[in-house]
């Protein structure tokens, strides 16, 4: 089953498929209020994220340094501001996320300009990666190039934010009809159905639950503390 495993504020674990590698990085924390849900603290954390991501198979022998982790967080935050600004027409004041600026695009372009992970075809015809250890810089270049492709490609106008109450998860709608509304049908989609059912039965709008799904949801990547 595809998607990144997330844990909601209520403890429910579900899978969220944002439809793009670069958007998968955004569930690991972020700028503004998202900083309290940071899960990228060590090189091992970034390797675990790569294991969960849509990079399949995960490049073997990833050599990640502390500097790579710090760069990953900077790139992620720049991507978050860039995508939020694209979707919302600016920042998200309620989360303390500022609108993207030229420095954010410069950082994305800088990362994309570095050599990416090199794909390879195995003797059995399977997809893999070139022999030899891969670096954190290559991993993050691959993420940044995916962001460039997404933001300049045919699905650039299909990047959306979940329609759930106070759910800010971002995804690209790759469905043919283009009608995706939820981060996950097993989470926000199901909550909406339950809510609508209760309204039909009682005629009274139920009280909203406190909390939300991003930043209250977090990637299932162990964090320190």
N, C-alpha and C. Protein backbone atom coordinates (compact mmCIF):
# COMPACT_ATOMS: atom_id res chain seq x y z
N UNK A 1 0.85 -1.19 0.00
CA UNK A 1 0.00 0.00 0.00
C UNK A 1 0.88 1.24 0.00
N UNK A 2 0.64 2.19 -0.91
CA UNK A 2 1.49 3.36 -1.05
C UNK A 2 1.12 4.42 -0.02
N UNK A 3 2.05 5.32 0.20
CA UNK A 3 1.78 6.44 1.09
C UNK A 3 2.67 6.43 2.32
N UNK A 4 2.81 7.61 2.91
CA UNK A 4 3.57 7.80 4.14
C UNK A 4 2.65 7.53 5.32
N UNK A 5 3.15 6.78 6.30
CA UNK A 5 2.38 6.52 7.50
C UNK A 5 2.38 7.75 8.40
N UNK A 6 1.17 8.22 8.77
CA UNK A 6 1.02 9.35 9.66
C UNK A 6 0.23 8.93 10.90
N UNK A 7 0.50 9.63 11.99
CA UNK A 7 -0.27 9.43 13.22
C UNK A 7 -0.99 10.72 13.55
N UNK A 8 -2.32 10.66 13.66
CA UNK A 8 -3.11 11.86 13.91
C UNK A 8 -3.04 12.25 15.38
N UNK A 9 -3.60 13.42 15.68
CA UNK A 9 -3.61 13.90 17.07
C UNK A 9 -4.35 12.93 17.99
N UNK A 10 -5.28 12.15 17.44
CA UNK A 10 -6.04 11.19 18.25
C UNK A 10 -5.34 9.84 18.37
N UNK A 11 -4.19 9.69 17.71
CA UNK A 11 -3.44 8.44 17.79
C UNK A 11 -3.72 7.48 16.65
N UNK A 12 -4.62 7.84 15.74
CA UNK A 12 -4.96 6.97 14.61
C UNK A 12 -3.84 6.99 13.58
N UNK A 13 -3.37 5.81 13.18
CA UNK A 13 -2.34 5.69 12.16
C UNK A 13 -3.00 5.41 10.81
N UNK A 14 -2.63 6.17 9.81
CA UNK A 14 -3.21 6.01 8.48
C UNK A 14 -2.14 6.34 7.44
N UNK A 15 -2.44 6.06 6.19
CA UNK A 15 -1.49 6.34 5.12
C UNK A 15 -1.97 7.54 4.31
N UNK A 16 -1.02 8.41 4.03
CA UNK A 16 -1.27 9.61 3.25
C UNK A 16 -0.39 9.58 2.02
N UNK A 17 -1.02 9.58 0.85
CA UNK A 17 -0.27 9.60 -0.40
C UNK A 17 -0.45 10.97 -1.04
N UNK A 18 0.56 11.84 -0.94
CA UNK A 18 0.43 13.18 -1.52
C UNK A 18 0.65 13.21 -3.03
N UNK A 19 1.05 12.10 -3.61
CA UNK A 19 1.16 12.04 -5.06
C UNK A 19 2.47 12.51 -5.65
N UNK A 20 3.41 12.97 -4.80
CA UNK A 20 4.70 13.45 -5.31
C UNK A 20 5.74 13.30 -4.22
N UNK A 21 6.95 12.98 -4.61
CA UNK A 21 8.04 12.80 -3.66
C UNK A 21 8.28 14.06 -2.84
N UNK A 22 8.29 15.22 -3.49
CA UNK A 22 8.58 16.46 -2.77
C UNK A 22 7.54 16.75 -1.71
N UNK A 23 6.28 16.38 -1.95
CA UNK A 23 5.23 16.63 -0.97
C UNK A 23 5.30 15.63 0.19
N UNK A 24 5.92 14.48 -0.05
CA UNK A 24 6.11 13.53 1.05
C UNK A 24 7.07 14.09 2.09
N UNK A 25 8.02 14.91 1.66
CA UNK A 25 8.97 15.48 2.61
C UNK A 25 8.28 16.47 3.56
N UNK A 26 7.17 17.07 3.13
CA UNK A 26 6.52 18.11 3.93
C UNK A 26 5.86 17.57 5.19
N UNK A 27 5.67 16.26 5.31
CA UNK A 27 5.01 15.72 6.50
C UNK A 27 5.98 15.53 7.66
N UNK A 28 7.26 15.88 7.47
CA UNK A 28 8.26 15.63 8.51
C UNK A 28 8.43 16.82 9.46
N UNK A 29 7.67 17.86 9.28
CA UNK A 29 7.79 19.06 10.10
C UNK A 29 7.59 20.27 9.22
N UNK A 30 8.24 21.39 9.54
CA UNK A 30 8.12 22.54 8.67
C UNK A 30 8.29 23.85 9.39
N UNK A 31 8.01 24.95 8.69
CA UNK A 31 8.17 26.28 9.28
C UNK A 31 6.99 26.62 10.19
N UNK A 32 7.11 27.73 10.89
CA UNK A 32 6.02 28.19 11.74
C UNK A 32 5.65 27.19 12.81
N UNK A 33 4.35 26.96 12.98
CA UNK A 33 3.85 26.05 14.01
C UNK A 33 4.27 24.61 13.77
N UNK A 34 4.67 24.30 12.55
CA UNK A 34 5.03 22.92 12.22
C UNK A 34 6.34 22.49 12.87
N UNK A 35 7.10 23.44 13.36
CA UNK A 35 8.40 23.10 13.93
C UNK A 35 8.26 22.18 15.14
N UNK A 36 7.14 22.25 15.84
CA UNK A 36 6.99 21.42 17.03
C UNK A 36 6.76 19.95 16.69
N UNK A 37 6.58 19.66 15.42
CA UNK A 37 6.40 18.28 14.99
C UNK A 37 7.58 17.78 14.17
N UNK A 38 8.72 18.41 14.38
CA UNK A 38 9.93 18.01 13.65
C UNK A 38 10.30 16.56 13.94
N UNK A 39 10.57 15.79 12.89
CA UNK A 39 11.00 14.40 13.07
C UNK A 39 12.36 14.12 12.45
N UNK A 40 12.93 15.11 11.77
CA UNK A 40 14.25 14.91 11.17
C UNK A 40 15.31 15.51 12.09
N UNK A 41 15.88 14.67 12.94
CA UNK A 41 16.89 15.11 13.89
C UNK A 41 18.27 14.52 13.59
N UNK A 42 18.30 13.31 13.09
CA UNK A 42 19.56 12.59 12.89
C UNK A 42 19.62 12.04 11.46
N UNK A 43 20.81 11.66 11.00
CA UNK A 43 20.91 11.03 9.69
C UNK A 43 20.00 9.80 9.57
N UNK A 44 19.86 9.06 10.67
CA UNK A 44 19.00 7.85 10.62
C UNK A 44 17.55 8.22 10.35
N UNK A 45 17.12 9.38 10.86
CA UNK A 45 15.75 9.82 10.62
C UNK A 45 15.51 10.08 9.13
N UNK A 46 16.48 10.71 8.47
CA UNK A 46 16.32 11.00 7.04
C UNK A 46 16.35 9.72 6.23
N UNK A 47 17.16 8.75 6.64
CA UNK A 47 17.18 7.45 5.96
C UNK A 47 15.83 6.76 6.12
N UNK A 48 15.24 6.83 7.33
CA UNK A 48 13.94 6.20 7.55
C UNK A 48 12.87 6.86 6.70
N UNK A 49 12.96 8.19 6.56
CA UNK A 49 12.00 8.86 5.69
C UNK A 49 12.15 8.36 4.25
N UNK A 50 13.37 8.25 3.78
CA UNK A 50 13.61 7.75 2.42
C UNK A 50 13.05 6.34 2.25
N UNK A 51 13.15 5.52 3.29
CA UNK A 51 12.61 4.16 3.24
C UNK A 51 11.10 4.17 3.05
N UNK A 52 10.43 5.15 3.65
CA UNK A 52 8.97 5.24 3.55
C UNK A 52 8.51 5.93 2.28
N UNK A 53 9.39 6.70 1.65
CA UNK A 53 9.00 7.53 0.52
C UNK A 53 8.73 6.68 -0.72
N UNK A 54 8.30 7.36 -1.77
CA UNK A 54 7.98 6.67 -3.01
C UNK A 54 9.23 6.32 -3.83
N UNK A 55 10.40 6.63 -3.33
CA UNK A 55 11.63 6.14 -3.96
C UNK A 55 11.68 4.64 -3.77
N UNK A 56 11.52 3.90 -4.82
CA UNK A 56 11.44 2.44 -4.68
C UNK A 56 12.28 1.79 -5.77
N UNK A 57 13.21 0.91 -5.35
CA UNK A 57 13.58 0.63 -3.96
C UNK A 57 14.40 1.78 -3.38
N UNK A 58 14.54 1.80 -2.06
CA UNK A 58 15.36 2.83 -1.44
C UNK A 58 16.81 2.65 -1.86
N UNK A 59 17.49 3.72 -2.24
CA UNK A 59 18.91 3.58 -2.61
C UNK A 59 19.70 2.92 -1.48
N UNK A 60 20.52 1.94 -1.79
CA UNK A 60 21.30 1.27 -0.74
C UNK A 60 22.45 2.16 -0.27
N UNK A 61 22.89 1.92 0.93
CA UNK A 61 24.07 2.60 1.48
C UNK A 61 23.99 4.11 1.37
N UNK A 62 22.86 4.67 1.79
CA UNK A 62 22.75 6.12 1.81
C UNK A 62 23.72 6.70 2.84
N UNK A 63 24.56 7.60 2.41
CA UNK A 63 25.51 8.25 3.32
C UNK A 63 24.95 9.62 3.67
N UNK A 64 24.33 9.73 4.82
CA UNK A 64 23.70 10.96 5.26
C UNK A 64 24.52 11.55 6.41
N UNK A 65 24.78 12.83 6.35
CA UNK A 65 25.52 13.52 7.39
C UNK A 65 24.58 14.45 8.17
N UNK A 66 25.07 14.96 9.29
CA UNK A 66 24.30 15.94 10.05
C UNK A 66 24.02 17.18 9.21
N UNK A 67 24.98 17.57 8.39
CA UNK A 67 24.77 18.73 7.52
C UNK A 67 23.65 18.46 6.51
N UNK A 68 23.56 17.22 6.02
CA UNK A 68 22.49 16.86 5.10
C UNK A 68 21.14 16.99 5.77
N UNK A 69 21.04 16.60 7.03
CA UNK A 69 19.78 16.70 7.76
C UNK A 69 19.37 18.16 7.91
N UNK A 70 20.32 19.02 8.27
CA UNK A 70 20.03 20.44 8.38
C UNK A 70 19.60 21.02 7.04
N UNK A 71 20.25 20.58 5.96
CA UNK A 71 19.89 21.06 4.62
C UNK A 71 18.51 20.55 4.22
N UNK A 72 18.20 19.31 4.60
CA UNK A 72 16.88 18.75 4.30
C UNK A 72 15.78 19.57 4.96
N UNK A 73 16.01 19.99 6.20
CA UNK A 73 15.01 20.80 6.89
C UNK A 73 14.84 22.16 6.21
N UNK A 74 15.96 22.76 5.80
CA UNK A 74 15.88 24.05 5.10
C UNK A 74 15.15 23.91 3.77
N UNK A 75 15.47 22.86 3.02
CA UNK A 75 14.81 22.63 1.74
C UNK A 75 13.32 22.38 1.95
N UNK A 76 12.99 21.55 2.94
CA UNK A 76 11.58 21.25 3.23
C UNK A 76 10.80 22.51 3.57
N UNK A 77 11.38 23.36 4.41
CA UNK A 77 10.68 24.58 4.80
C UNK A 77 10.48 25.51 3.60
N UNK A 78 11.49 25.60 2.74
CA UNK A 78 11.37 26.42 1.53
C UNK A 78 10.28 25.85 0.62
N UNK A 79 10.25 24.53 0.48
CA UNK A 79 9.22 23.88 -0.33
C UNK A 79 7.83 24.12 0.27
N UNK A 80 7.72 24.03 1.59
CA UNK A 80 6.42 24.23 2.25
C UNK A 80 5.90 25.63 1.96
N UNK A 81 6.75 26.64 2.13
CA UNK A 81 6.31 28.01 1.86
C UNK A 81 5.96 28.19 0.39
N UNK A 82 6.75 27.57 -0.49
CA UNK A 82 6.51 27.71 -1.93
C UNK A 82 5.18 27.08 -2.33
N UNK A 83 4.92 25.87 -1.85
CA UNK A 83 3.70 25.17 -2.23
C UNK A 83 2.48 25.82 -1.58
N UNK A 84 2.59 26.19 -0.30
CA UNK A 84 1.48 26.86 0.37
C UNK A 84 1.13 28.16 -0.35
N UNK A 85 2.15 28.93 -0.74
CA UNK A 85 1.89 30.18 -1.46
C UNK A 85 1.20 29.92 -2.79
N UNK A 86 1.60 28.83 -3.45
CA UNK A 86 0.98 28.49 -4.73
C UNK A 86 -0.50 28.12 -4.53
N UNK A 87 -0.79 27.36 -3.49
CA UNK A 87 -2.15 26.88 -3.27
C UNK A 87 -3.05 27.95 -2.66
N UNK A 88 -2.50 28.73 -1.72
CA UNK A 88 -3.32 29.67 -0.94
C UNK A 88 -3.19 31.12 -1.42
N UNK A 89 -2.29 31.37 -2.36
CA UNK A 89 -2.10 32.74 -2.80
C UNK A 89 -1.29 33.57 -1.82
N UNK A 90 -0.64 32.91 -0.87
CA UNK A 90 0.15 33.59 0.15
C UNK A 90 0.50 32.61 1.24
N UNK A 91 0.81 33.11 2.42
CA UNK A 91 1.17 32.24 3.52
C UNK A 91 -0.06 31.70 4.24
N UNK A 92 0.22 31.07 5.39
CA UNK A 92 -0.84 30.57 6.26
C UNK A 92 -0.64 31.20 7.64
N UNK A 93 -1.22 32.36 7.88
CA UNK A 93 -1.00 33.05 9.16
C UNK A 93 -1.37 32.22 10.38
N UNK A 94 -2.42 31.40 10.25
CA UNK A 94 -2.84 30.60 11.40
C UNK A 94 -1.80 29.58 11.83
N UNK A 95 -0.89 29.23 10.92
CA UNK A 95 0.21 28.32 11.25
C UNK A 95 1.55 29.05 11.34
N UNK A 96 1.51 30.36 11.16
CA UNK A 96 2.75 31.12 11.22
C UNK A 96 3.65 30.88 10.03
N UNK A 97 3.09 30.49 8.90
CA UNK A 97 3.87 30.23 7.69
C UNK A 97 3.83 31.48 6.81
N UNK A 98 5.00 32.06 6.57
CA UNK A 98 5.11 33.26 5.75
C UNK A 98 5.00 32.91 4.27
N UNK A 99 4.61 33.87 3.43
CA UNK A 99 4.62 33.63 1.99
C UNK A 99 6.03 33.33 1.50
N UNK A 100 6.14 32.58 0.43
CA UNK A 100 7.44 32.26 -0.14
C UNK A 100 8.09 33.53 -0.68
N UNK A 101 9.42 33.55 -0.67
CA UNK A 101 10.14 34.67 -1.25
C UNK A 101 11.21 34.14 -2.21
N UNK A 102 11.99 35.04 -2.78
CA UNK A 102 12.99 34.64 -3.77
C UNK A 102 14.02 33.69 -3.18
N UNK A 103 14.33 33.84 -1.89
CA UNK A 103 15.33 32.98 -1.26
C UNK A 103 14.85 31.52 -1.23
N UNK A 104 13.54 31.31 -1.10
CA UNK A 104 13.00 29.94 -1.10
C UNK A 104 13.19 29.29 -2.47
N UNK A 105 12.88 30.01 -3.53
CA UNK A 105 13.08 29.46 -4.87
C UNK A 105 14.56 29.25 -5.15
N UNK A 106 15.39 30.16 -4.69
CA UNK A 106 16.83 30.00 -4.88
C UNK A 106 17.33 28.71 -4.24
N UNK A 107 16.82 28.41 -3.04
CA UNK A 107 17.25 27.20 -2.34
C UNK A 107 16.79 25.95 -3.08
N UNK A 108 15.55 25.95 -3.56
CA UNK A 108 15.05 24.81 -4.33
C UNK A 108 15.88 24.61 -5.59
N UNK A 109 16.15 25.70 -6.28
CA UNK A 109 16.94 25.61 -7.52
C UNK A 109 18.38 25.20 -7.24
N UNK A 110 18.92 25.66 -6.14
CA UNK A 110 20.28 25.27 -5.76
C UNK A 110 20.37 23.77 -5.53
N UNK A 111 19.39 23.24 -4.80
CA UNK A 111 19.37 21.80 -4.53
C UNK A 111 19.17 21.01 -5.82
N UNK A 112 18.29 21.49 -6.69
CA UNK A 112 18.00 20.79 -7.94
C UNK A 112 19.20 20.78 -8.87
N UNK A 113 20.09 21.77 -8.75
CA UNK A 113 21.25 21.87 -9.64
C UNK A 113 22.34 20.86 -9.30
N UNK A 114 22.26 20.25 -8.12
CA UNK A 114 23.26 19.26 -7.72
C UNK A 114 22.98 17.93 -8.42
N UNK A 115 23.97 17.05 -8.52
CA UNK A 115 23.73 15.73 -9.13
C UNK A 115 22.70 14.95 -8.33
N UNK A 116 21.70 14.35 -9.02
CA UNK A 116 20.66 13.58 -8.33
C UNK A 116 21.06 12.12 -8.18
N UNK A 117 20.19 11.35 -7.56
CA UNK A 117 20.37 9.90 -7.54
C UNK A 117 20.32 9.38 -8.97
N UNK A 118 21.16 8.42 -9.26
CA UNK A 118 21.25 7.89 -10.63
C UNK A 118 20.48 6.58 -10.73
N UNK A 119 19.39 6.52 -11.49
CA UNK A 119 18.64 5.27 -11.64
C UNK A 119 19.39 4.29 -12.54
N UNK A 120 19.08 3.02 -12.38
CA UNK A 120 19.73 1.98 -13.20
C UNK A 120 18.75 0.83 -13.40
N UNK A 121 18.98 0.07 -14.47
CA UNK A 121 18.17 -1.11 -14.78
C UNK A 121 18.96 -2.35 -14.40
N UNK A 122 18.36 -3.21 -13.58
CA UNK A 122 19.02 -4.44 -13.18
C UNK A 122 19.01 -5.48 -14.27
N UNK A 123 19.81 -6.55 -14.09
CA UNK A 123 19.88 -7.62 -15.09
C UNK A 123 18.54 -8.29 -15.29
N UNK A 124 17.68 -8.27 -14.25
CA UNK A 124 16.36 -8.88 -14.36
C UNK A 124 15.31 -7.90 -14.89
N UNK A 125 15.75 -6.73 -15.28
CA UNK A 125 14.83 -5.74 -15.82
C UNK A 125 14.20 -4.84 -14.77
N UNK A 126 14.54 -5.04 -13.51
CA UNK A 126 13.96 -4.23 -12.44
C UNK A 126 14.66 -2.88 -12.33
N UNK A 127 13.97 -1.92 -11.78
CA UNK A 127 14.54 -0.59 -11.58
C UNK A 127 15.32 -0.56 -10.28
N UNK A 128 16.46 0.07 -10.31
CA UNK A 128 17.25 0.22 -9.11
C UNK A 128 18.07 1.49 -9.19
N UNK A 129 19.23 1.48 -8.56
CA UNK A 129 20.08 2.65 -8.52
C UNK A 129 21.51 2.27 -8.88
N UNK A 130 22.26 3.23 -9.36
CA UNK A 130 23.63 2.97 -9.77
C UNK A 130 24.44 2.45 -8.59
N UNK A 131 25.42 1.60 -8.90
CA UNK A 131 26.26 1.02 -7.85
C UNK A 131 27.01 2.11 -7.10
N UNK A 132 27.31 1.79 -5.86
CA UNK A 132 28.06 2.74 -5.04
C UNK A 132 27.16 3.48 -4.08
N UNK A 133 27.72 4.00 -3.01
CA UNK A 133 26.92 4.71 -2.02
C UNK A 133 26.33 5.99 -2.58
N UNK A 134 25.11 6.29 -2.16
CA UNK A 134 24.46 7.53 -2.56
C UNK A 134 24.56 8.52 -1.40
N UNK A 135 24.61 9.79 -1.72
CA UNK A 135 24.80 10.81 -0.69
C UNK A 135 23.49 11.53 -0.38
N UNK A 136 23.49 12.23 0.75
CA UNK A 136 22.34 13.03 1.11
C UNK A 136 22.09 14.13 0.10
N UNK A 137 23.16 14.72 -0.45
CA UNK A 137 23.00 15.77 -1.45
C UNK A 137 22.28 15.23 -2.68
N UNK A 138 22.60 14.00 -3.09
CA UNK A 138 21.91 13.40 -4.24
C UNK A 138 20.43 13.15 -3.92
N UNK A 139 20.15 12.67 -2.72
CA UNK A 139 18.77 12.43 -2.31
C UNK A 139 17.97 13.71 -2.37
N UNK A 140 18.52 14.79 -1.81
CA UNK A 140 17.78 16.05 -1.75
C UNK A 140 17.69 16.72 -3.11
N UNK A 141 18.69 16.51 -3.97
CA UNK A 141 18.59 17.00 -5.34
C UNK A 141 17.43 16.32 -6.06
N UNK A 142 17.26 15.03 -5.83
CA UNK A 142 16.15 14.30 -6.45
C UNK A 142 14.81 14.84 -5.98
N UNK A 143 14.72 15.16 -4.68
CA UNK A 143 13.49 15.76 -4.14
C UNK A 143 13.24 17.13 -4.78
N UNK A 144 14.28 17.96 -4.86
CA UNK A 144 14.12 19.30 -5.42
C UNK A 144 13.74 19.24 -6.90
N UNK A 145 14.34 18.32 -7.65
CA UNK A 145 13.99 18.19 -9.07
C UNK A 145 12.54 17.75 -9.23
N UNK A 146 12.08 16.89 -8.32
CA UNK A 146 10.68 16.49 -8.35
C UNK A 146 9.78 17.70 -8.11
N UNK A 147 10.19 18.60 -7.20
CA UNK A 147 9.41 19.81 -6.95
C UNK A 147 9.37 20.70 -8.18
N UNK A 148 10.51 20.86 -8.86
CA UNK A 148 10.54 21.67 -10.08
C UNK A 148 9.61 21.07 -11.13
N UNK A 149 9.67 19.75 -11.30
CA UNK A 149 8.79 19.09 -12.27
C UNK A 149 7.32 19.29 -11.92
N UNK A 150 7.00 19.17 -10.62
CA UNK A 150 5.61 19.30 -10.20
C UNK A 150 5.11 20.73 -10.41
N UNK A 151 5.89 21.71 -9.96
CA UNK A 151 5.44 23.09 -9.98
C UNK A 151 5.43 23.71 -11.37
N UNK A 152 6.11 23.07 -12.31
CA UNK A 152 6.14 23.60 -13.69
C UNK A 152 5.45 22.66 -14.67
N UNK A 153 4.92 21.55 -14.19
CA UNK A 153 4.36 20.52 -15.07
C UNK A 153 2.84 20.57 -15.18
N UNK A 154 2.26 19.54 -15.80
CA UNK A 154 0.82 19.53 -16.08
C UNK A 154 -0.06 19.44 -14.84
N UNK A 155 0.52 19.03 -13.71
CA UNK A 155 -0.28 18.92 -12.49
C UNK A 155 -0.08 20.10 -11.55
N UNK A 156 0.58 21.15 -12.02
CA UNK A 156 0.85 22.30 -11.16
C UNK A 156 -0.42 22.93 -10.61
N UNK A 157 -1.50 22.90 -11.40
CA UNK A 157 -2.77 23.48 -10.96
C UNK A 157 -3.62 22.48 -10.18
N UNK A 158 -3.07 21.28 -9.97
CA UNK A 158 -3.83 20.27 -9.22
C UNK A 158 -3.27 20.06 -7.81
N UNK A 159 -2.39 20.94 -7.37
CA UNK A 159 -1.89 20.85 -6.00
C UNK A 159 -2.94 21.47 -5.09
N UNK A 160 -3.33 20.72 -4.07
CA UNK A 160 -4.44 21.16 -3.22
C UNK A 160 -4.16 20.91 -1.75
N UNK A 161 -4.99 21.51 -0.93
CA UNK A 161 -4.95 21.30 0.51
C UNK A 161 -6.21 20.53 0.90
N UNK A 162 -6.05 19.60 1.83
CA UNK A 162 -7.17 18.77 2.25
C UNK A 162 -8.34 19.65 2.68
N UNK A 163 -9.56 19.22 2.33
CA UNK A 163 -10.78 19.96 2.67
C UNK A 163 -11.26 19.68 4.08
N UNK A 164 -10.56 18.81 4.83
CA UNK A 164 -10.98 18.50 6.18
C UNK A 164 -10.83 19.70 7.11
N UNK A 165 -11.62 19.69 8.18
CA UNK A 165 -11.56 20.77 9.17
C UNK A 165 -10.15 20.88 9.75
N UNK A 166 -9.53 22.03 9.57
CA UNK A 166 -8.20 22.32 10.11
C UNK A 166 -7.18 21.26 9.71
N UNK A 167 -7.35 20.67 8.53
CA UNK A 167 -6.33 19.77 7.99
C UNK A 167 -5.62 20.52 6.87
N UNK A 168 -4.32 20.64 7.00
CA UNK A 168 -3.54 21.44 6.07
C UNK A 168 -2.62 20.60 5.19
N UNK A 169 -2.85 19.29 5.16
CA UNK A 169 -1.99 18.43 4.35
C UNK A 169 -2.14 18.76 2.87
N UNK A 170 -1.01 18.78 2.18
CA UNK A 170 -0.96 19.15 0.77
C UNK A 170 -0.75 17.93 -0.10
N UNK A 171 -1.43 17.89 -1.22
CA UNK A 171 -1.30 16.76 -2.14
C UNK A 171 -1.53 17.24 -3.56
N UNK A 172 -1.12 16.43 -4.52
CA UNK A 172 -1.42 16.70 -5.91
C UNK A 172 -2.46 15.68 -6.36
N UNK A 173 -3.53 16.19 -6.92
CA UNK A 173 -4.64 15.33 -7.36
C UNK A 173 -4.30 14.75 -8.73
N UNK A 174 -3.88 13.50 -8.74
CA UNK A 174 -3.53 12.83 -10.01
C UNK A 174 -4.67 11.98 -10.54
N UNK A 175 -5.83 12.03 -9.89
CA UNK A 175 -6.97 11.24 -10.36
C UNK A 175 -7.48 11.78 -11.68
N UNK A 176 -8.04 10.92 -12.50
CA UNK A 176 -8.50 11.34 -13.82
C UNK A 176 -9.57 12.43 -13.74
N UNK A 177 -10.59 12.29 -12.88
CA UNK A 177 -11.61 13.35 -12.83
C UNK A 177 -11.15 14.60 -12.10
N UNK A 178 -10.08 14.51 -11.32
CA UNK A 178 -9.59 15.68 -10.60
C UNK A 178 -10.51 16.13 -9.50
N UNK A 179 -11.10 15.19 -8.76
CA UNK A 179 -12.08 15.55 -7.72
C UNK A 179 -11.65 15.13 -6.32
N UNK A 180 -10.39 14.84 -6.15
CA UNK A 180 -9.94 14.45 -4.81
C UNK A 180 -10.09 15.62 -3.84
N UNK A 181 -10.63 15.33 -2.66
CA UNK A 181 -10.85 16.39 -1.66
C UNK A 181 -10.09 16.16 -0.36
N UNK A 182 -9.71 14.90 -0.11
CA UNK A 182 -9.21 14.57 1.22
C UNK A 182 -7.75 14.11 1.17
N UNK A 183 -7.07 14.34 2.30
CA UNK A 183 -5.71 13.81 2.42
C UNK A 183 -5.75 12.29 2.32
N UNK A 184 -6.74 11.68 2.96
CA UNK A 184 -6.90 10.23 2.96
C UNK A 184 -8.37 9.90 3.20
N UNK A 185 -8.91 8.98 2.41
CA UNK A 185 -10.29 8.58 2.62
C UNK A 185 -10.45 7.85 3.94
N UNK A 186 -9.39 7.18 4.42
CA UNK A 186 -9.51 6.46 5.68
C UNK A 186 -9.38 7.38 6.88
N UNK A 187 -9.08 8.66 6.64
CA UNK A 187 -8.97 9.60 7.76
C UNK A 187 -9.95 10.75 7.58
N UNK A 188 -9.56 11.82 6.91
CA UNK A 188 -10.46 12.96 6.78
C UNK A 188 -11.70 12.62 5.96
N UNK A 189 -11.55 11.78 4.94
CA UNK A 189 -12.72 11.38 4.17
C UNK A 189 -13.73 10.64 5.03
N UNK A 190 -13.23 9.73 5.85
CA UNK A 190 -14.12 8.97 6.74
C UNK A 190 -14.73 9.88 7.79
N UNK A 191 -13.94 10.79 8.35
CA UNK A 191 -14.48 11.72 9.35
C UNK A 191 -15.60 12.56 8.75
N UNK A 192 -15.44 12.98 7.50
CA UNK A 192 -16.49 13.76 6.85
C UNK A 192 -17.75 12.93 6.68
N UNK A 193 -17.61 11.67 6.29
CA UNK A 193 -18.79 10.81 6.11
C UNK A 193 -19.52 10.60 7.42
N UNK A 194 -18.76 10.37 8.49
CA UNK A 194 -19.38 10.18 9.81
C UNK A 194 -20.10 11.44 10.24
N UNK A 195 -19.45 12.56 10.04
CA UNK A 195 -20.05 13.86 10.41
C UNK A 195 -21.34 14.10 9.63
N UNK A 196 -21.30 13.86 8.31
CA UNK A 196 -22.48 14.07 7.48
C UNK A 196 -23.61 13.14 7.89
N UNK A 197 -23.26 11.90 8.25
CA UNK A 197 -24.28 10.94 8.69
C UNK A 197 -24.96 11.42 9.97
N UNK A 198 -24.17 11.94 10.91
CA UNK A 198 -24.74 12.43 12.16
C UNK A 198 -25.64 13.62 11.92
N UNK A 199 -25.25 14.49 10.99
CA UNK A 199 -26.08 15.65 10.67
C UNK A 199 -27.41 15.20 10.08
N UNK A 200 -27.37 14.21 9.17
CA UNK A 200 -28.61 13.72 8.56
C UNK A 200 -29.54 13.11 9.60
N UNK A 201 -28.96 12.41 10.58
CA UNK A 201 -29.78 11.74 11.58
C UNK A 201 -30.35 12.70 12.61
N UNK A 202 -29.56 13.68 13.02
CA UNK A 202 -29.99 14.56 14.10
C UNK A 202 -30.45 15.93 13.62
N UNK A 203 -29.98 16.32 12.44
CA UNK A 203 -30.30 17.65 11.95
C UNK A 203 -29.50 18.74 12.64
N UNK A 204 -28.55 18.34 13.50
CA UNK A 204 -27.74 19.29 14.25
C UNK A 204 -26.28 19.09 13.88
N UNK A 205 -25.62 20.17 13.56
CA UNK A 205 -24.20 20.09 13.23
C UNK A 205 -23.41 19.75 14.48
N UNK A 206 -22.65 18.61 14.49
CA UNK A 206 -21.88 18.25 15.68
C UNK A 206 -20.76 19.24 15.94
N UNK A 207 -20.36 19.34 17.20
CA UNK A 207 -19.27 20.23 17.56
C UNK A 207 -17.98 19.74 16.93
N UNK A 208 -17.16 20.68 16.46
CA UNK A 208 -15.89 20.30 15.85
C UNK A 208 -14.93 19.80 16.90
N UNK A 209 -14.13 18.83 16.52
CA UNK A 209 -13.09 18.34 17.40
C UNK A 209 -11.94 19.34 17.42
N UNK A 210 -11.26 19.42 18.54
CA UNK A 210 -10.10 20.29 18.61
C UNK A 210 -8.94 19.64 17.88
N UNK A 211 -7.99 20.48 17.50
CA UNK A 211 -6.81 19.94 16.82
C UNK A 211 -7.02 19.90 15.32
N UNK A 212 -6.08 19.35 14.62
CA UNK A 212 -6.15 19.24 13.17
C UNK A 212 -5.22 18.14 12.73
N UNK A 213 -4.95 18.09 11.43
CA UNK A 213 -4.19 16.96 10.92
C UNK A 213 -2.81 17.34 10.40
N UNK A 214 -2.56 18.57 10.15
CA UNK A 214 -1.22 19.05 9.89
C UNK A 214 -1.20 20.46 10.43
N UNK A 215 -0.55 20.72 11.53
CA UNK A 215 0.59 20.00 12.06
C UNK A 215 0.31 18.91 13.08
N UNK A 216 -0.96 18.65 13.45
CA UNK A 216 -1.18 17.67 14.51
C UNK A 216 -0.86 16.25 14.08
N UNK A 217 -0.94 15.96 12.78
CA UNK A 217 -0.46 14.67 12.30
C UNK A 217 1.06 14.74 12.17
N UNK A 218 1.69 13.62 12.35
CA UNK A 218 3.14 13.59 12.20
C UNK A 218 3.56 12.30 11.55
N UNK A 219 4.67 12.37 10.84
CA UNK A 219 5.19 11.18 10.18
C UNK A 219 5.60 10.15 11.24
N UNK A 220 5.45 8.89 10.87
CA UNK A 220 5.83 7.81 11.77
C UNK A 220 7.33 7.56 11.68
N UNK A 221 8.09 8.63 11.93
CA UNK A 221 9.55 8.57 11.98
C UNK A 221 9.93 8.93 13.41
N UNK A 222 10.52 8.05 14.17
CA UNK A 222 10.81 8.32 15.58
C UNK A 222 11.59 9.61 15.75
N UNK A 223 11.16 10.39 16.71
CA UNK A 223 11.85 11.65 17.02
C UNK A 223 12.47 11.58 18.39
N UNK A 224 13.50 12.39 18.62
CA UNK A 224 14.13 12.40 19.93
C UNK A 224 13.21 13.07 20.95
N UNK A 225 13.28 12.61 22.20
CA UNK A 225 12.57 13.26 23.27
C UNK A 225 11.15 12.78 23.39
